[in-house]
């Protein structure tokens, strides 16, 4: 019969396995090739050029530039 320590170890092993599985899944998702989900820019609604779609971008060049500019402005806070 399992004592409390054995039960605790079994619980921790299951928990760690689950967390590792989640982390691996997230890494795989983050490193998977990107595919565009829409043919229009998610900011302005303009049609995206084929080259941007093929590379998985969901913003047109002007909107992507503006997003990068905003990120740079608020990166220091």
N, C-alpha and C. Protein backbone atom coordinates (compact mmCIF):
# COMPACT_ATOMS: atom_id res chain seq x y z
N UNK A 1 0.85 -1.18 0.00
CA UNK A 1 0.00 0.00 0.00
C UNK A 1 0.89 1.24 0.00
N UNK A 2 0.49 2.23 -0.76
CA UNK A 2 1.28 3.44 -0.91
C UNK A 2 1.11 4.35 0.30
N UNK A 3 2.23 4.90 0.74
CA UNK A 3 2.13 5.85 1.85
C UNK A 3 2.02 7.27 1.28
N UNK A 4 1.94 8.24 2.16
CA UNK A 4 1.75 9.64 1.73
C UNK A 4 2.89 10.13 0.84
N UNK A 5 4.11 9.73 1.14
CA UNK A 5 5.26 10.17 0.33
C UNK A 5 5.16 9.62 -1.08
N UNK A 6 4.77 8.34 -1.21
CA UNK A 6 4.61 7.75 -2.55
C UNK A 6 3.52 8.47 -3.33
N UNK A 7 2.41 8.76 -2.68
CA UNK A 7 1.31 9.47 -3.33
C UNK A 7 1.74 10.88 -3.75
N UNK A 8 2.48 11.55 -2.89
CA UNK A 8 2.96 12.89 -3.21
C UNK A 8 3.92 12.85 -4.40
N UNK A 9 4.81 11.88 -4.42
CA UNK A 9 5.75 11.74 -5.54
C UNK A 9 5.01 11.46 -6.84
N UNK A 10 4.02 10.59 -6.79
CA UNK A 10 3.24 10.28 -7.99
C UNK A 10 2.51 11.52 -8.49
N UNK A 11 1.95 12.30 -7.57
CA UNK A 11 1.27 13.54 -7.94
C UNK A 11 2.24 14.52 -8.59
N UNK A 12 3.40 14.70 -7.99
CA UNK A 12 4.39 15.63 -8.53
C UNK A 12 4.89 15.19 -9.90
N UNK A 13 5.11 13.91 -10.08
CA UNK A 13 5.55 13.41 -11.39
C UNK A 13 4.50 13.69 -12.46
N UNK A 14 3.25 13.45 -12.14
CA UNK A 14 2.16 13.71 -13.09
C UNK A 14 2.07 15.20 -13.40
N UNK A 15 2.19 16.03 -12.36
CA UNK A 15 2.12 17.48 -12.55
C UNK A 15 3.27 17.96 -13.43
N UNK A 16 4.48 17.51 -13.15
CA UNK A 16 5.65 17.92 -13.93
C UNK A 16 5.53 17.44 -15.37
N UNK A 17 5.10 16.21 -15.58
CA UNK A 17 4.91 15.70 -16.93
C UNK A 17 3.92 16.57 -17.70
N UNK A 18 2.84 16.96 -17.04
CA UNK A 18 1.84 17.80 -17.68
C UNK A 18 2.42 19.17 -18.04
N UNK A 19 3.16 19.77 -17.14
CA UNK A 19 3.76 21.08 -17.39
C UNK A 19 4.80 21.01 -18.52
N UNK A 20 5.58 19.95 -18.53
CA UNK A 20 6.58 19.79 -19.60
C UNK A 20 5.87 19.62 -20.94
N UNK A 21 4.81 18.84 -20.96
CA UNK A 21 4.05 18.64 -22.20
C UNK A 21 3.48 19.96 -22.71
N UNK A 22 2.95 20.78 -21.79
CA UNK A 22 2.40 22.07 -22.19
C UNK A 22 3.50 22.97 -22.73
N UNK A 23 4.66 22.97 -22.09
CA UNK A 23 5.77 23.81 -22.53
C UNK A 23 6.27 23.39 -23.91
N UNK A 24 6.38 22.09 -24.13
CA UNK A 24 6.83 21.59 -25.43
C UNK A 24 5.82 21.96 -26.51
N UNK A 25 4.53 21.82 -26.20
CA UNK A 25 3.49 22.16 -27.17
C UNK A 25 3.57 23.64 -27.54
N UNK A 26 3.77 24.51 -26.54
CA UNK A 26 3.87 25.94 -26.80
C UNK A 26 5.09 26.26 -27.65
N UNK A 27 6.20 25.63 -27.36
CA UNK A 27 7.42 25.85 -28.15
C UNK A 27 7.19 25.43 -29.59
N UNK A 28 6.55 24.29 -29.78
CA UNK A 28 6.27 23.82 -31.15
C UNK A 28 5.36 24.79 -31.88
N UNK A 29 4.35 25.32 -31.19
CA UNK A 29 3.46 26.28 -31.82
C UNK A 29 4.19 27.56 -32.17
N UNK A 30 5.04 28.02 -31.27
CA UNK A 30 5.76 29.28 -31.49
C UNK A 30 6.79 29.17 -32.61
N UNK A 31 7.32 27.97 -32.83
CA UNK A 31 8.36 27.81 -33.86
C UNK A 31 7.82 27.21 -35.15
N UNK A 32 6.54 26.89 -35.18
CA UNK A 32 5.95 26.33 -36.40
C UNK A 32 5.91 27.41 -37.48
N UNK A 33 6.00 27.00 -38.73
CA UNK A 33 5.91 27.99 -39.81
C UNK A 33 4.58 28.75 -39.72
N UNK A 34 4.66 30.03 -39.86
CA UNK A 34 3.47 30.87 -39.76
C UNK A 34 2.67 30.81 -41.06
N UNK A 35 1.37 30.82 -40.93
CA UNK A 35 0.50 30.92 -42.09
C UNK A 35 -0.53 32.00 -41.80
N UNK A 36 -0.77 32.82 -42.78
CA UNK A 36 -1.74 33.89 -42.61
C UNK A 36 -3.14 33.29 -42.52
N UNK A 37 -3.95 33.84 -41.62
CA UNK A 37 -5.31 33.34 -41.45
C UNK A 37 -6.30 34.16 -42.24
N UNK A 38 -5.89 35.28 -42.78
CA UNK A 38 -6.78 36.14 -43.53
C UNK A 38 -6.02 36.78 -44.67
N UNK A 39 -6.73 37.24 -45.66
CA UNK A 39 -6.07 37.90 -46.79
C UNK A 39 -6.12 39.42 -46.65
N UNK A 40 -6.63 39.90 -45.51
CA UNK A 40 -6.67 41.35 -45.28
C UNK A 40 -5.93 41.70 -44.01
N UNK A 41 -5.42 42.91 -43.96
CA UNK A 41 -4.69 43.42 -42.80
C UNK A 41 -5.63 43.48 -41.61
N UNK A 42 -5.19 42.98 -40.46
CA UNK A 42 -6.05 42.97 -39.28
C UNK A 42 -6.21 44.36 -38.67
N UNK A 43 -5.39 45.32 -39.07
CA UNK A 43 -5.51 46.69 -38.55
C UNK A 43 -6.38 47.57 -39.44
N UNK A 44 -6.01 47.66 -40.72
CA UNK A 44 -6.67 48.63 -41.59
C UNK A 44 -7.67 48.01 -42.57
N UNK A 45 -7.62 46.71 -42.75
CA UNK A 45 -8.56 46.05 -43.64
C UNK A 45 -8.17 46.03 -45.11
N UNK A 46 -6.99 46.55 -45.43
CA UNK A 46 -6.53 46.53 -46.82
C UNK A 46 -6.09 45.11 -47.19
N UNK A 47 -6.15 44.80 -48.47
CA UNK A 47 -5.74 43.49 -48.96
C UNK A 47 -4.23 43.34 -48.81
N UNK A 48 -3.79 42.18 -48.29
CA UNK A 48 -2.36 41.92 -48.11
C UNK A 48 -1.75 41.39 -49.40
N UNK A 49 -0.54 41.84 -49.74
CA UNK A 49 0.14 41.30 -50.91
C UNK A 49 0.46 39.82 -50.72
N UNK A 50 0.54 39.10 -51.82
CA UNK A 50 0.78 37.66 -51.78
C UNK A 50 2.06 37.32 -51.00
N UNK A 51 3.12 38.09 -51.19
CA UNK A 51 4.39 37.80 -50.50
C UNK A 51 4.22 37.85 -48.99
N UNK A 52 3.44 38.80 -48.49
CA UNK A 52 3.23 38.89 -47.04
C UNK A 52 2.39 37.71 -46.56
N UNK A 53 1.42 37.30 -47.35
CA UNK A 53 0.59 36.14 -46.99
C UNK A 53 1.44 34.87 -46.93
N UNK A 54 2.32 34.70 -47.90
CA UNK A 54 3.15 33.50 -47.95
C UNK A 54 4.07 33.39 -46.75
N UNK A 55 4.43 34.52 -46.16
CA UNK A 55 5.31 34.52 -44.99
C UNK A 55 4.54 34.59 -43.68
N UNK A 56 3.22 34.53 -43.75
CA UNK A 56 2.41 34.46 -42.55
C UNK A 56 2.13 35.77 -41.86
N UNK A 57 2.36 36.89 -42.52
CA UNK A 57 2.09 38.19 -41.91
C UNK A 57 0.59 38.49 -41.94
N UNK A 58 0.11 39.14 -40.90
CA UNK A 58 -1.30 39.52 -40.87
C UNK A 58 -1.49 41.03 -40.83
N UNK A 59 -0.38 41.77 -41.03
CA UNK A 59 -0.42 43.22 -41.12
C UNK A 59 0.23 43.66 -42.42
N UNK A 60 -0.30 44.73 -43.03
CA UNK A 60 0.35 45.31 -44.21
C UNK A 60 1.63 46.02 -43.75
N UNK A 61 2.45 46.43 -44.68
CA UNK A 61 3.72 47.06 -44.34
C UNK A 61 3.54 48.34 -43.51
N UNK A 62 2.64 49.26 -43.91
CA UNK A 62 2.47 50.47 -43.09
C UNK A 62 2.00 50.17 -41.66
N UNK A 63 1.05 49.24 -41.52
CA UNK A 63 0.55 48.91 -40.17
C UNK A 63 1.62 48.19 -39.35
N UNK A 64 2.40 47.33 -39.99
CA UNK A 64 3.48 46.64 -39.28
C UNK A 64 4.54 47.65 -38.83
N UNK A 65 4.84 48.62 -39.67
CA UNK A 65 5.81 49.65 -39.30
C UNK A 65 5.31 50.46 -38.12
N UNK A 66 4.04 50.82 -38.15
CA UNK A 66 3.46 51.59 -37.04
C UNK A 66 3.47 50.78 -35.75
N UNK A 67 3.18 49.49 -35.83
CA UNK A 67 3.21 48.64 -34.64
C UNK A 67 4.61 48.57 -34.05
N UNK A 68 5.62 48.43 -34.92
CA UNK A 68 7.00 48.41 -34.45
C UNK A 68 7.39 49.74 -33.82
N UNK A 69 6.93 50.84 -34.40
CA UNK A 69 7.22 52.16 -33.85
C UNK A 69 6.62 52.29 -32.45
N UNK A 70 5.37 51.84 -32.29
CA UNK A 70 4.72 51.91 -30.97
C UNK A 70 5.44 51.04 -29.95
N UNK A 71 5.84 49.85 -30.37
CA UNK A 71 6.58 48.97 -29.46
C UNK A 71 7.87 49.62 -29.02
N UNK A 72 8.57 50.27 -29.95
CA UNK A 72 9.83 50.93 -29.61
C UNK A 72 9.61 52.08 -28.65
N UNK A 73 8.53 52.82 -28.83
CA UNK A 73 8.24 53.95 -27.95
C UNK A 73 7.97 53.51 -26.52
N UNK A 74 7.28 52.40 -26.37
CA UNK A 74 6.88 51.95 -25.03
C UNK A 74 7.77 50.86 -24.47
N UNK A 75 8.85 50.56 -25.14
CA UNK A 75 9.76 49.52 -24.67
C UNK A 75 10.52 49.95 -23.43
N UNK A 76 10.66 51.23 -23.23
CA UNK A 76 11.46 51.73 -22.11
C UNK A 76 10.69 51.78 -20.81
N UNK A 77 9.38 51.59 -20.84
CA UNK A 77 8.58 51.68 -19.61
C UNK A 77 8.47 50.37 -18.92
